[in-house]
Amino acid sequence: MTETLTPGTAPTVRRPLTSRRSARIVGGLLLPALVLLAWQLSSTLGLITVSQLPSPAMVWVATVDLFERGELTLYVAISTQRVLIGFAAGATLGLIAGSLVGLSRAADILFAPTLGAIRAVPSLAWVPLLIIWLKYGEESKIVLVAIGAFFPVYTTVALALRHVDRQLVEAGRAFGLRGVKLFAAVQLPAVIPSVISGFRLALAQAWLFLVAAELLGASMGLGFLLSDSGTNGRIDRILLAIILLALLGKLTDAILGVFEKYAIKKWA
């Protein structure tokens, strides 16, 4: 950051180019644009056959076709709904469990080893069990997404609360704060950045678990579109589903990023 001085005027501060919003937007779009260009050139020049990698134009045609049928909007809406509901449930439970384990030594001893072992279970391992318990309905898919969202929040919150400044906690107690009041007024605001980071990791994990849920036993959604297109050899639709998952994941993460700035400014 540099300052410019002129006689009779206050110094003006020039922001680095990389800190400007326009530069960040252009820089963020640069790599996708280069990938799209290389993709188009490889298709145009015949470096890769369309049976292996359809051109961007073919993916666009598949997009328009599904949109005109009304399927694309429906699939996006259903998958987004599943992610949001599962994320809300899993993140809430993760926040509660992480708070208990992070604040209570007894809860840490009792729950942490078991939850740590369950966290290592792959997402697909839950699918047969949830199908047996909850059949092929919405409940099984939302529960699987909630499982994926639970552990990033639980782990992040528990670790953050263990490292809250002891002097800050003692200062809160000196003002008569105890229990829930101490947690809400002192400990939680101290770990707000870590909590939001856990939410963002949980949201990304929720999208990953959604695909696992919809690949098996779904008749609608982007995971179903992936599975059905793979069965029918529709690589253009497979690429479309992957692109949509990436865009939706980035969009929801960006929304949480805006909330993160607000939360840190207001509560941290």
C-alpha atoms as a PDB file:
ATOM      1  CA  MET A   1       0.000   0.000   0.000  1.00  0.00           C
ATOM      2  CA  THR A   2       1.504   3.383  -1.005  1.00  0.00           C
ATOM      3  CA  GLU A   3       0.829   7.003  -0.078  1.00  0.00           C
ATOM      4  CA  THR A   4       0.843   9.991  -2.436  1.00  0.00           C
ATOM      5  CA  LEU A   5       1.752  13.408  -0.975  1.00  0.00           C
ATOM      6  CA  THR A   6       0.997  16.756  -2.602  1.00  0.00           C
ATOM      7  CA  PRO A   7       1.466  20.195  -1.022  1.00  0.00           C
ATOM      8  CA  GLY A   8      -1.513  21.273   1.039  1.00  0.00           C
ATOM      9  CA  THR A   9      -3.379  17.973   0.799  1.00  0.00           C
ATOM     10  CA  ALA A  10      -3.732  14.961   3.038  1.00  0.00           C
ATOM     11  CA  PRO A  11      -1.946  11.783   1.980  1.00  0.00           C
ATOM     12  CA  THR A  12      -4.022   9.448  -0.184  1.00  0.00           C
ATOM     13  CA  VAL A  13      -3.653   5.709   0.188  1.00  0.00           C
ATOM     14  CA  ARG A  14      -3.585   3.576  -2.907  1.00  0.00           C
ATOM     15  CA  ARG A  15      -4.954   0.100  -2.491  1.00  0.00           C
ATOM     16  CA  PRO A  16      -2.962  -2.788  -3.978  1.00  0.00           C
ATOM     17  CA  LEU A  17      -4.398  -4.065  -7.235  1.00  0.00           C
ATOM     18  CA  THR A  18      -5.019  -7.516  -5.757  1.00  0.00           C
ATOM     19  CA  SER A  19      -7.272  -6.062  -3.020  1.00  0.00           C
ATOM     20  CA  ARG A  20      -9.681  -4.446  -5.471  1.00  0.00           C
ATOM     21  CA  ARG A  21     -12.998  -6.196  -6.074  1.00  0.00           C
ATOM     22  CA  SER A  22     -12.771  -5.872  -9.861  1.00  0.00           C
ATOM     23  CA  ALA A  23      -9.313  -7.446  -9.901  1.00  0.00           C
ATOM     24  CA  ARG A  24     -10.522 -10.347  -7.779  1.00  0.00           C
ATOM     25  CA  ILE A  25     -13.498 -10.960 -10.064  1.00  0.00           C
ATOM     26  CA  VAL A  26     -11.415 -10.815 -13.250  1.00  0.00           C
ATOM     27  CA  GLY A  27      -8.680 -12.952 -11.700  1.00  0.00           C
ATOM     28  CA  GLY A  28     -11.206 -15.525 -10.511  1.00  0.00           C
ATOM     29  CA  LEU A  29     -12.731 -15.805 -13.985  1.00  0.00           C
ATOM     30  CA  LEU A  30      -9.388 -16.068 -15.767  1.00  0.00           C
ATOM     31  CA  LEU A  31      -8.679 -19.751 -15.124  1.00  0.00           C
ATOM     32  CA  PRO A  32     -12.233 -20.950 -15.997  1.00  0.00           C
ATOM     33  CA  ALA A  33     -12.028 -18.915 -19.222  1.00  0.00           C
ATOM     34  CA  LEU A  34      -8.696 -20.536 -20.126  1.00  0.00           C
ATOM     35  CA  VAL A  35     -10.066 -24.004 -19.361  1.00  0.00           C
ATOM     36  CA  LEU A  36     -13.138 -23.306 -21.515  1.00  0.00           C
ATOM     37  CA  LEU A  37     -10.923 -22.061 -24.347  1.00  0.00           C
ATOM     38  CA  ALA A  38      -8.672 -25.132 -24.177  1.00  0.00           C
ATOM     39  CA  TRP A  39     -11.756 -27.353 -24.070  1.00  0.00           C
ATOM     40  CA  GLN A  40     -13.224 -25.687 -27.162  1.00  0.00           C
ATOM     41  CA  LEU A  41      -9.927 -25.824 -29.074  1.00  0.00           C
ATOM     42  CA  SER A  42      -9.365 -29.489 -28.266  1.00  0.00           C
ATOM     43  CA  SER A  43     -12.845 -30.273 -29.620  1.00  0.00           C
ATOM     44  CA  THR A  44     -12.508 -28.052 -32.701  1.00  0.00           C
ATOM     45  CA  LEU A  45      -9.079 -29.397 -33.637  1.00  0.00           C
ATOM     46  CA  GLY A  46     -10.102 -33.000 -33.071  1.00  0.00           C
ATOM     47  CA  LEU A  47      -7.502 -33.601 -30.357  1.00  0.00           C
ATOM     48  CA  ILE A  48     -10.165 -35.407 -28.305  1.00  0.00           C
ATOM     49  CA  THR A  49     -13.151 -37.183 -29.787  1.00  0.00           C
ATOM     50  CA  VAL A  50     -16.626 -35.964 -28.883  1.00  0.00           C
ATOM     51  CA  SER A  51     -17.419 -39.450 -27.568  1.00  0.00           C
ATOM     52  CA  GLN A  52     -14.814 -38.838 -24.856  1.00  0.00           C
ATOM     53  CA  LEU A  53     -15.273 -35.102 -24.322  1.00  0.00           C
ATOM     54  CA  PRO A  54     -18.236 -33.320 -25.949  1.00  0.00           C
ATOM     55  CA  SER A  55     -17.664 -29.726 -26.971  1.00  0.00           C
ATOM     56  CA  PRO A  56     -18.959 -26.811 -24.878  1.00  0.00           C
ATOM     57  CA  ALA A  57     -21.585 -26.228 -27.561  1.00  0.00           C
ATOM     58  CA  MET A  58     -22.909 -29.776 -27.123  1.00  0.00           C
ATOM     59  CA  VAL A  59     -23.119 -29.302 -23.355  1.00  0.00           C
ATOM     60  CA  TRP A  60     -24.994 -26.056 -23.937  1.00  0.00           C
ATOM     61  CA  VAL A  61     -27.467 -27.824 -26.238  1.00  0.00           C
ATOM     62  CA  ALA A  62     -28.039 -30.453 -23.530  1.00  0.00           C
ATOM     63  CA  THR A  63     -28.600 -27.654 -21.018  1.00  0.00           C
ATOM     64  CA  VAL A  64     -31.216 -25.958 -23.184  1.00  0.00           C
ATOM     65  CA  ASP A  65     -32.930 -29.285 -23.889  1.00  0.00           C
ATOM     66  CA  LEU A  66     -33.270 -30.177 -20.202  1.00  0.00           C
ATOM     67  CA  PHE A  67     -34.345 -26.640 -19.341  1.00  0.00           C
ATOM     68  CA  GLU A  68     -37.087 -26.616 -21.970  1.00  0.00           C
ATOM     69  CA  ARG A  69     -38.384 -29.919 -20.615  1.00  0.00           C
ATOM     70  CA  GLY A  70     -38.507 -28.408 -17.134  1.00  0.00           C
ATOM     71  CA  GLU A  71     -36.199 -31.092 -15.754  1.00  0.00           C
ATOM     72  CA  LEU A  72     -33.124 -28.934 -15.204  1.00  0.00           C
ATOM     73  CA  THR A  73     -34.839 -26.410 -12.942  1.00  0.00           C
ATOM     74  CA  LEU A  74     -36.534 -29.210 -11.024  1.00  0.00           C
ATOM     75  CA  TYR A  75     -33.293 -31.142 -10.489  1.00  0.00           C
ATOM     76  CA  VAL A  76     -31.424 -28.039  -9.331  1.00  0.00           C
ATOM     77  CA  ALA A  77     -34.238 -27.049  -6.955  1.00  0.00           C
ATOM     78  CA  ILE A  78     -34.537 -30.533  -5.441  1.00  0.00           C
ATOM     79  CA  SER A  79     -30.790 -30.956  -4.910  1.00  0.00           C
ATOM     80  CA  THR A  80     -30.462 -27.468  -3.423  1.00  0.00           C
ATOM     81  CA  GLN A  81     -33.372 -28.121  -1.067  1.00  0.00           C
ATOM     82  CA  ARG A  82     -31.823 -31.368   0.118  1.00  0.00           C
ATOM     83  CA  VAL A  83     -28.476 -29.687   0.736  1.00  0.00           C
ATOM     84  CA  LEU A  84     -29.931 -26.721   2.611  1.00  0.00           C
ATOM     85  CA  ILE A  85     -32.146 -28.826   4.886  1.00  0.00           C
ATOM     86  CA  GLY A  86     -29.423 -31.391   5.554  1.00  0.00           C
ATOM     87  CA  PHE A  87     -26.824 -28.670   6.087  1.00  0.00           C
ATOM     88  CA  ALA A  88     -29.043 -26.774   8.540  1.00  0.00           C
ATOM     89  CA  ALA A  89     -29.728 -29.924  10.575  1.00  0.00           C
ATOM     90  CA  GLY A  90     -26.163 -31.219  10.517  1.00  0.00           C
ATOM     91  CA  ALA A  91     -24.541 -27.849  11.240  1.00  0.00           C
ATOM     92  CA  THR A  92     -26.902 -27.184  14.157  1.00  0.00           C
ATOM     93  CA  LEU A  93     -26.191 -30.578  15.729  1.00  0.00           C
ATOM     94  CA  GLY A  94     -22.479 -30.116  15.032  1.00  0.00           C
ATOM     95  CA  LEU A  95     -22.501 -26.747  16.771  1.00  0.00           C
ATOM     96  CA  ILE A  96     -24.223 -28.237  19.824  1.00  0.00           C
ATOM     97  CA  ALA A  97     -21.987 -31.315  20.009  1.00  0.00           C
ATOM     98  CA  GLY A  98     -18.830 -29.305  19.336  1.00  0.00           C
ATOM     99  CA  SER A  99     -19.751 -26.849  22.076  1.00  0.00           C
ATOM    100  CA  LEU A 100     -20.315 -29.643  24.603  1.00  0.00           C
ATOM    101  CA  VAL A 101     -17.067 -31.425  23.757  1.00  0.00           C
ATOM    102  CA  GLY A 102     -15.085 -28.186  23.579  1.00  0.00           C
ATOM    103  CA  LEU A 103     -16.341 -26.845  26.915  1.00  0.00           C
ATOM    104  CA  SER A 104     -16.712 -30.003  28.991  1.00  0.00           C
ATOM    105  CA  ARG A 105     -13.832 -32.337  29.791  1.00  0.00           C
ATOM    106  CA  ALA A 106     -16.320 -35.070  30.697  1.00  0.00           C
ATOM    107  CA  ALA A 107     -18.113 -34.744  27.343  1.00  0.00           C
ATOM    108  CA  ASP A 108     -14.752 -34.791  25.587  1.00  0.00           C
ATOM    109  CA  ILE A 109     -13.795 -38.060  27.264  1.00  0.00           C
ATOM    110  CA  LEU A 110     -17.207 -39.615  26.682  1.00  0.00           C
ATOM    111  CA  PHE A 111     -18.039 -38.563  23.118  1.00  0.00           C
ATOM    112  CA  ALA A 112     -14.860 -37.510  21.277  1.00  0.00           C
ATOM    113  CA  PRO A 113     -13.374 -41.006  20.646  1.00  0.00           C
ATOM    114  CA  THR A 114     -16.644 -42.407  19.279  1.00  0.00           C
ATOM    115  CA  LEU A 115     -17.401 -39.382  17.100  1.00  0.00           C
ATOM    116  CA  GLY A 116     -13.821 -39.424  15.821  1.00  0.00           C
ATOM    117  CA  ALA A 117     -14.253 -43.045  14.726  1.00  0.00           C
ATOM    118  CA  ILE A 118     -17.621 -42.363  13.057  1.00  0.00           C
ATOM    119  CA  ARG A 119     -16.105 -39.395  11.217  1.00  0.00           C
ATOM    120  CA  ALA A 120     -13.751 -41.774   9.401  1.00  0.00           C
ATOM    121  CA  VAL A 121     -16.628 -43.770   7.873  1.00  0.00           C
ATOM    122  CA  PRO A 122     -16.881 -43.076   4.093  1.00  0.00           C
ATOM    123  CA  SER A 123     -20.092 -41.478   2.856  1.00  0.00           C
ATOM    124  CA  LEU A 124     -21.096 -44.421   0.657  1.00  0.00           C
ATOM    125  CA  ALA A 125     -20.874 -46.768   3.641  1.00  0.00           C
ATOM    126  CA  TRP A 126     -23.956 -45.095   5.135  1.00  0.00           C
ATOM    127  CA  VAL A 127     -26.102 -45.515   2.028  1.00  0.00           C
ATOM    128  CA  PRO A 128     -27.164 -49.200   2.407  1.00  0.00           C
ATOM    129  CA  LEU A 129     -27.940 -48.717   6.109  1.00  0.00           C
ATOM    130  CA  LEU A 130     -30.013 -45.584   5.534  1.00  0.00           C
ATOM    131  CA  ILE A 131     -31.910 -47.269   2.709  1.00  0.00           C
ATOM    132  CA  ILE A 132     -32.789 -50.179   5.012  1.00  0.00           C
ATOM    133  CA  TRP A 133     -33.835 -47.857   7.822  1.00  0.00           C
ATOM    134  CA  LEU A 134     -35.482 -45.017   5.908  1.00  0.00           C
ATOM    135  CA  LYS A 135     -36.137 -46.595   2.490  1.00  0.00           C
ATOM    136  CA  TYR A 136     -35.668 -44.514  -0.665  1.00  0.00           C
ATOM    137  CA  GLY A 137     -37.544 -41.430   0.509  1.00  0.00           C
ATOM    138  CA  GLU A 138     -36.296 -37.918   1.138  1.00  0.00           C
ATOM    139  CA  GLU A 139     -35.435 -38.711   4.747  1.00  0.00           C
ATOM    140  CA  SER A 140     -32.536 -41.010   3.864  1.00  0.00           C
ATOM    141  CA  LYS A 141     -30.974 -38.447   1.534  1.00  0.00           C
ATOM    142  CA  ILE A 142     -31.333 -35.541   3.958  1.00  0.00           C
ATOM    143  CA  VAL A 143     -29.938 -37.606   6.840  1.00  0.00           C
ATOM    144  CA  LEU A 144     -26.885 -38.517   4.757  1.00  0.00           C
ATOM    145  CA  VAL A 145     -26.313 -34.855   3.872  1.00  0.00           C
ATOM    146  CA  ALA A 146     -26.719 -33.944   7.551  1.00  0.00           C
ATOM    147  CA  ILE A 147     -24.077 -36.521   8.489  1.00  0.00           C
ATOM    148  CA  GLY A 148     -21.703 -34.904   6.018  1.00  0.00           C
ATOM    149  CA  ALA A 149     -22.381 -31.418   7.404  1.00  0.00           C
ATOM    150  CA  PHE A 150     -22.144 -32.464  11.056  1.00  0.00           C
ATOM    151  CA  PHE A 151     -18.490 -33.382  11.385  1.00  0.00           C
ATOM    152  CA  PRO A 152     -16.741 -30.278   9.966  1.00  0.00           C
ATOM    153  CA  VAL A 153     -18.751 -28.037  12.305  1.00  0.00           C
ATOM    154  CA  TYR A 154     -18.339 -30.362  15.279  1.00  0.00           C
ATOM    155  CA  THR A 155     -14.563 -30.681  14.821  1.00  0.00           C
ATOM    156  CA  THR A 156     -13.936 -26.988  14.160  1.00  0.00           C
ATOM    157  CA  VAL A 157     -16.062 -25.722  17.053  1.00  0.00           C
ATOM    158  CA  ALA A 158     -14.680 -28.243  19.563  1.00  0.00           C
ATOM    159  CA  LEU A 159     -11.068 -27.391  18.723  1.00  0.00           C
ATOM    160  CA  ALA A 160     -11.709 -23.645  18.707  1.00  0.00           C
ATOM    161  CA  LEU A 161     -13.449 -23.618  22.097  1.00  0.00           C
ATOM    162  CA  ARG A 162     -10.584 -25.524  23.694  1.00  0.00           C
ATOM    163  CA  HIS A 163      -8.237 -22.674  22.767  1.00  0.00           C
ATOM    164  CA  VAL A 164     -10.296 -19.689  23.882  1.00  0.00           C
ATOM    165  CA  ASP A 165      -8.163 -17.240  25.861  1.00  0.00           C
ATOM    166  CA  ARG A 166      -8.455 -18.186  29.537  1.00  0.00           C
ATOM    167  CA  GLN A 167      -8.071 -14.577  30.623  1.00  0.00           C
ATOM    168  CA  LEU A 168     -11.071 -13.645  28.476  1.00  0.00           C
ATOM    169  CA  VAL A 169     -13.156 -16.341  30.129  1.00  0.00           C
ATOM    170  CA  GLU A 170     -12.048 -15.279  33.606  1.00  0.00           C
ATOM    171  CA  ALA A 171     -12.933 -11.672  32.787  1.00  0.00           C
ATOM    172  CA  GLY A 172     -16.431 -12.800  31.827  1.00  0.00           C
ATOM    173  CA  ARG A 173     -16.787 -14.717  35.072  1.00  0.00           C
ATOM    174  CA  ALA A 174     -15.633 -11.664  36.987  1.00  0.00           C
ATOM    175  CA  PHE A 175     -18.660  -9.837  35.558  1.00  0.00           C
ATOM    176  CA  GLY A 176     -20.923 -12.575  36.883  1.00  0.00           C
ATOM    177  CA  LEU A 177     -21.366 -14.551  33.667  1.00  0.00           C
ATOM    178  CA  ARG A 178     -21.840 -18.306  34.016  1.00  0.00           C
ATOM    179  CA  GLY A 179     -22.998 -21.224  31.888  1.00  0.00           C
ATOM    180  CA  VAL A 180     -25.036 -20.317  28.824  1.00  0.00           C
ATOM    181  CA  LYS A 181     -24.588 -16.570  29.382  1.00  0.00           C
ATOM    182  CA  LEU A 182     -20.803 -16.941  29.479  1.00  0.00           C
ATOM    183  CA  PHE A 183     -20.892 -19.075  26.343  1.00  0.00           C
ATOM    184  CA  ALA A 184     -23.131 -16.657  24.425  1.00  0.00           C
ATOM    185  CA  ALA A 185     -21.397 -13.457  25.522  1.00  0.00           C
ATOM    186  CA  VAL A 186     -17.728 -14.476  25.628  1.00  0.00           C
ATOM    187  CA  GLN A 187     -16.799 -17.911  24.307  1.00  0.00           C
ATOM    188  CA  LEU A 188     -18.945 -18.092  21.169  1.00  0.00           C
ATOM    189  CA  PRO A 189     -18.000 -14.588  19.888  1.00  0.00           C
ATOM    190  CA  ALA A 190     -14.340 -15.510  20.425  1.00  0.00           C
ATOM    191  CA  VAL A 191     -14.627 -18.427  18.011  1.00  0.00           C
ATOM    192  CA  ILE A 192     -16.992 -16.894  15.430  1.00  0.00           C
ATOM    193  CA  PRO A 193     -14.363 -16.978  12.618  1.00  0.00           C
ATOM    194  CA  SER A 194     -13.711 -20.671  13.313  1.00  0.00           C
ATOM    195  CA  VAL A 195     -17.442 -21.427  13.474  1.00  0.00           C
ATOM    196  CA  ILE A 196     -18.073 -19.797  10.090  1.00  0.00           C
ATOM    197  CA  SER A 197     -15.092 -21.650   8.609  1.00  0.00           C
ATOM    198  CA  GLY A 198     -16.638 -24.852   9.913  1.00  0.00           C
ATOM    199  CA  PHE A 199     -19.933 -23.919   8.289  1.00  0.00           C
ATOM    200  CA  ARG A 200     -18.220 -23.368   4.935  1.00  0.00           C
ATOM    201  CA  LEU A 201     -16.444 -26.720   5.152  1.00  0.00           C
ATOM    202  CA  ALA A 202     -19.720 -28.345   6.170  1.00  0.00           C
ATOM    203  CA  LEU A 203     -21.544 -26.850   3.197  1.00  0.00           C
ATOM    204  CA  ALA A 204     -18.922 -28.190   0.794  1.00  0.00           C
ATOM    205  CA  GLN A 205     -19.164 -31.588   2.486  1.00  0.00           C
ATOM    206  CA  ALA A 206     -22.960 -31.450   2.219  1.00  0.00           C
ATOM    207  CA  TRP A 207     -22.732 -31.161  -1.572  1.00  0.00           C
ATOM    208  CA  LEU A 208     -20.335 -34.129  -1.673  1.00  0.00           C
ATOM    209  CA  PHE A 209     -22.658 -36.273   0.428  1.00  0.00           C
ATOM    210  CA  LEU A 210     -25.630 -35.166  -1.672  1.00  0.00           C
ATOM    211  CA  VAL A 211     -24.102 -36.771  -4.761  1.00  0.00           C
ATOM    212  CA  ALA A 212     -23.534 -39.989  -2.820  1.00  0.00           C
ATOM    213  CA  ALA A 213     -27.171 -39.893  -1.675  1.00  0.00           C
ATOM    214  CA  GLU A 214     -28.592 -39.235  -5.128  1.00  0.00           C
ATOM    215  CA  LEU A 215     -26.396 -41.677  -7.007  1.00  0.00           C
ATOM    216  CA  LEU A 216     -28.234 -44.494  -5.286  1.00  0.00           C
ATOM    217  CA  GLY A 217     -31.972 -44.584  -4.961  1.00  0.00           C
ATOM    218  CA  ALA A 218     -32.972 -41.205  -6.393  1.00  0.00           C
ATOM    219  CA  SER A 219     -35.285 -40.408  -9.286  1.00  0.00           C
ATOM    220  CA  MET A 220     -34.592 -36.676  -9.383  1.00  0.00           C
ATOM    221  CA  GLY A 221     -31.698 -34.342  -8.605  1.00  0.00           C
ATOM    222  CA  LEU A 222     -28.244 -33.647  -9.978  1.00  0.00           C
ATOM    223  CA  GLY A 223     -26.835 -36.882  -8.562  1.00  0.00           C
ATOM    224  CA  PHE A 224     -29.577 -38.773 -10.370  1.00  0.00           C
ATOM    225  CA  LEU A 225     -28.712 -36.845 -13.545  1.00  0.00           C
ATOM    226  CA  LEU A 226     -25.108 -38.022 -13.188  1.00  0.00           C
ATOM    227  CA  SER A 227     -26.111 -41.639 -12.633  1.00  0.00           C
ATOM    228  CA  ASP A 228     -28.774 -41.740 -15.355  1.00  0.00           C
ATOM    229  CA  SER A 229     -26.516 -40.003 -17.881  1.00  0.00           C
ATOM    230  CA  GLY A 230     -23.703 -42.445 -17.134  1.00  0.00           C
ATOM    231  CA  THR A 231     -26.040 -45.374 -17.742  1.00  0.00           C
ATOM    232  CA  ASN A 232     -27.178 -43.874 -21.066  1.00  0.00           C
ATOM    233  CA  GLY A 233     -23.716 -42.748 -22.150  1.00  0.00           C
ATOM    234  CA  ARG A 234     -24.704 -39.048 -22.183  1.00  0.00           C
ATOM    235  CA  ILE A 235     -21.333 -37.481 -21.404  1.00  0.00           C
ATOM    236  CA  ASP A 236     -22.677 -34.030 -22.288  1.00  0.00           C
ATOM    237  CA  ARG A 237     -25.216 -34.305 -19.462  1.00  0.00           C
ATOM    238  CA  ILE A 238     -22.578 -35.698 -17.093  1.00  0.00           C
ATOM    239  CA  LEU A 239     -20.433 -32.624 -17.716  1.00  0.00           C
ATOM    240  CA  LEU A 240     -23.486 -30.411 -17.280  1.00  0.00           C
ATOM    241  CA  ALA A 241     -24.246 -31.960 -13.884  1.00  0.00           C
ATOM    242  CA  ILE A 242     -20.619 -31.536 -12.776  1.00  0.00           C
ATOM    243  CA  ILE A 243     -20.590 -27.884 -13.859  1.00  0.00           C
ATOM    244  CA  LEU A 244     -23.889 -27.198 -12.089  1.00  0.00           C
ATOM    245  CA  LEU A 245     -22.635 -28.806  -8.877  1.00  0.00           C
ATOM    246  CA  ALA A 246     -19.504 -26.658  -9.035  1.00  0.00           C
ATOM    247  CA  LEU A 247     -21.510 -23.473  -9.650  1.00  0.00           C
ATOM    248  CA  LEU A 248     -24.045 -24.207  -6.919  1.00  0.00           C
ATOM    249  CA  GLY A 249     -21.306 -25.090  -4.467  1.00  0.00           C
ATOM    250  CA  LYS A 250     -19.462 -21.860  -5.230  1.00  0.00           C
ATOM    251  CA  LEU A 251     -22.648 -19.789  -5.046  1.00  0.00           C
ATOM    252  CA  THR A 252     -23.679 -21.143  -1.643  1.00  0.00           C
ATOM    253  CA  ASP A 253     -20.122 -20.741  -0.351  1.00  0.00           C
ATOM    254  CA  ALA A 254     -20.091 -17.125  -1.554  1.00  0.00           C
ATOM    255  CA  ILE A 255     -23.320 -16.464   0.345  1.00  0.00           C
ATOM    256  CA  LEU A 256     -21.731 -17.872   3.496  1.00  0.00           C
ATOM    257  CA  GLY A 257     -18.703 -15.699   2.798  1.00  0.00           C
ATOM    258  CA  VAL A 258     -20.902 -12.596   2.880  1.00  0.00           C
ATOM    259  CA  PHE A 259     -22.464 -13.809   6.124  1.00  0.00           C
ATOM    260  CA  GLU A 260     -18.976 -14.417   7.533  1.00  0.00           C
ATOM    261  CA  LYS A 261     -17.998 -10.760   7.039  1.00  0.00           C
ATOM    262  CA  TYR A 262     -21.240  -9.621   8.655  1.00  0.00           C
ATOM    263  CA  ALA A 263     -20.912 -12.026  11.599  1.00  0.00           C
ATOM    264  CA  ILE A 264     -17.300 -11.130  12.327  1.00  0.00           C
ATOM    265  CA  LYS A 265     -18.084  -7.416  12.182  1.00  0.00           C
ATOM    266  CA  LYS A 266     -21.150  -7.733  14.425  1.00  0.00           C
ATOM    267  CA  TRP A 267     -20.213 -10.391  16.976  1.00  0.00           C
ATOM    268  CA  ALA A 268     -16.502 -11.191  16.910  1.00  0.00           C
END
